[in-house]
Protein backbone atom coordinates (compact mmCIF):
# COMPACT_ATOMS: atom_id res chain seq x y z
CA MET A 1 -11.30 -6.53 -14.84
CA GLU A 2 -12.56 -3.46 -13.00
CA ALA A 3 -14.62 -5.59 -10.62
CA VAL A 4 -11.62 -7.76 -9.75
CA ILE A 5 -9.49 -4.69 -9.00
CA ALA A 6 -12.28 -3.10 -6.94
CA ILE A 7 -12.82 -6.29 -4.93
CA SER A 8 -9.09 -6.73 -4.31
CA ILE A 9 -8.77 -3.09 -3.20
CA GLY A 10 -11.69 -3.60 -0.82
CA ILE A 11 -10.25 -6.82 0.61
CA LEU A 12 -6.81 -5.26 1.09
CA ALA A 13 -8.27 -2.16 2.76
CA ALA A 14 -10.55 -4.18 5.04
CA SER A 15 -7.74 -6.55 6.02
CA GLY A 16 -5.43 -3.60 6.67
CA VAL A 17 -7.94 -1.82 8.90
CA TRP A 18 -8.67 -5.05 10.78
CA LEU A 19 -4.96 -5.63 11.41
CA ILE A 20 -4.39 -2.02 12.47
CA LEU A 21 -6.96 -2.52 15.23
CA ARG A 22 -5.14 -5.57 16.64
CA PRO A 23 -3.22 -5.31 19.95
CA ARG A 24 0.16 -6.55 18.70
CA THR A 25 2.62 -4.14 17.09
CA PHE A 26 3.70 -6.49 14.29
CA GLN A 27 0.08 -6.88 13.21
CA VAL A 28 -0.27 -3.09 13.16
CA VAL A 29 2.77 -2.78 10.89
CA ILE A 30 1.44 -5.43 8.51
CA GLY A 31 -1.96 -3.70 8.53
CA LEU A 32 -0.36 -0.39 7.57
CA SER A 33 1.46 -2.13 4.73
CA LEU A 34 -1.75 -3.73 3.44
CA LEU A 35 -3.56 -0.41 3.63
CA SER A 36 -0.79 1.29 1.67
CA TYR A 37 -0.98 -1.46 -0.96
CA ALA A 38 -4.73 -0.86 -1.25
CA VAL A 39 -4.16 2.87 -1.73
CA ASN A 40 -1.46 2.15 -4.32
CA LEU A 41 -3.83 -0.09 -6.30
CA PHE A 42 -6.52 2.56 -6.09
CA ILE A 43 -4.20 5.28 -7.42
CA PHE A 44 -2.93 2.94 -10.12
CA SER A 45 -6.46 2.10 -11.23
CA MET A 46 -7.27 5.81 -11.58
CA GLY A 47 -4.91 5.92 -14.59
CA ARG A 48 -7.31 3.79 -16.66
CA LEU A 49 -6.86 0.05 -16.66
CA ARG A 50 -5.44 -0.74 -20.08
CA SER A 51 -3.49 -3.77 -21.18
CA ASN A 52 -0.78 -3.57 -23.86
CA ALA A 53 -0.88 0.24 -23.89
CA ALA A 54 2.21 2.42 -23.94
CA ALA A 55 2.77 4.71 -20.98
CA VAL A 56 4.49 7.46 -22.95
CA VAL A 57 2.69 9.50 -25.59
CA ASP A 58 4.75 9.89 -28.77
CA GLY A 59 2.58 12.65 -30.21
CA SER A 60 1.35 10.72 -33.23
CA GLY A 61 -2.32 10.24 -32.63
CA ASP A 62 -5.18 9.74 -30.27
CA ILE A 63 -4.21 9.90 -26.61
CA SER A 64 -7.01 7.51 -25.60
CA ALA A 65 -4.82 4.60 -26.72
CA TYR A 66 -2.22 5.37 -24.06
CA ALA A 67 -2.09 4.79 -20.34
CA ASP A 68 -1.69 7.72 -17.98
CA PRO A 69 1.92 7.76 -16.68
CA VAL A 70 1.27 10.06 -13.69
CA PRO A 71 -0.49 7.47 -11.48
CA GLN A 72 2.18 4.94 -12.42
CA SER A 73 4.94 7.27 -11.26
CA LEU A 74 3.04 8.16 -8.09
CA VAL A 75 2.59 4.48 -7.24
CA LEU A 76 6.25 3.74 -7.90
CA THR A 77 7.26 6.56 -5.56
CA ALA A 78 4.73 5.38 -2.95
CA ILE A 79 6.13 1.84 -3.09
CA VAL A 80 9.64 3.10 -2.29
CA ILE A 81 8.40 5.35 0.51
CA GLY A 82 6.20 2.55 1.89
CA PHE A 83 9.14 0.15 1.97
CA ALA A 84 11.25 2.68 3.89
CA MET A 85 8.35 3.37 6.27
CA THR A 86 7.89 -0.35 6.94
CA ALA A 87 11.60 -0.78 7.63
CA LEU A 88 11.53 2.15 10.06
CA PHE A 89 8.44 0.76 11.81
CA LEU A 90 10.14 -2.63 12.22
CA VAL A 91 13.23 -1.02 13.76
CA VAL A 92 11.05 0.95 16.19
CA LEU A 93 9.08 -2.23 16.93
CA LEU A 94 12.24 -4.15 17.81
CA ALA A 95 13.55 -1.31 19.97
CA ALA A 96 10.24 -0.99 21.83
CA ARG A 97 10.10 -4.73 22.38
CA GLY A 98 13.63 -4.68 23.76
CA LEU A 99 12.78 -1.88 26.17
CA THR A 100 9.38 -3.06 27.36
CA GLY A 101 9.70 -6.82 26.93
CA THR A 102 6.32 -7.09 25.18
CA ASP A 103 4.98 -6.47 21.72
CA HIS A 104 1.61 -5.04 22.71
CA VAL A 105 0.71 -1.62 21.39
CA ASP A 106 0.05 -0.16 24.85
CA GLY A 107 3.09 -1.90 26.37
CA ARG A 108 1.35 -4.26 28.79
CA GLU A 109 0.05 -7.80 28.59
CA ARG A 110 -3.67 -8.45 28.98
């Protein structure tokens, strides 16, 4: 399970960096989204990967049987902020394309 998560984080991060380096603005936005998903998975995996474990400790025993709720709440907050950031980037992308007539990052065709 840990290897699958590590490989998927690596693939998402590598794909995100590759897309960020592309010349088109839409590809840059998608690359930023993929990179934020990779970071979210990394933070989520730091809270111990446990299946069928409660997130809230009820105070009746060993805390090793529970999942850590802090990374889960951080990832949930990051998902909301990432969605708002992506929406803002898309609005700026559309405005820049309307002004310049191209979707290249530097504003000129090659």
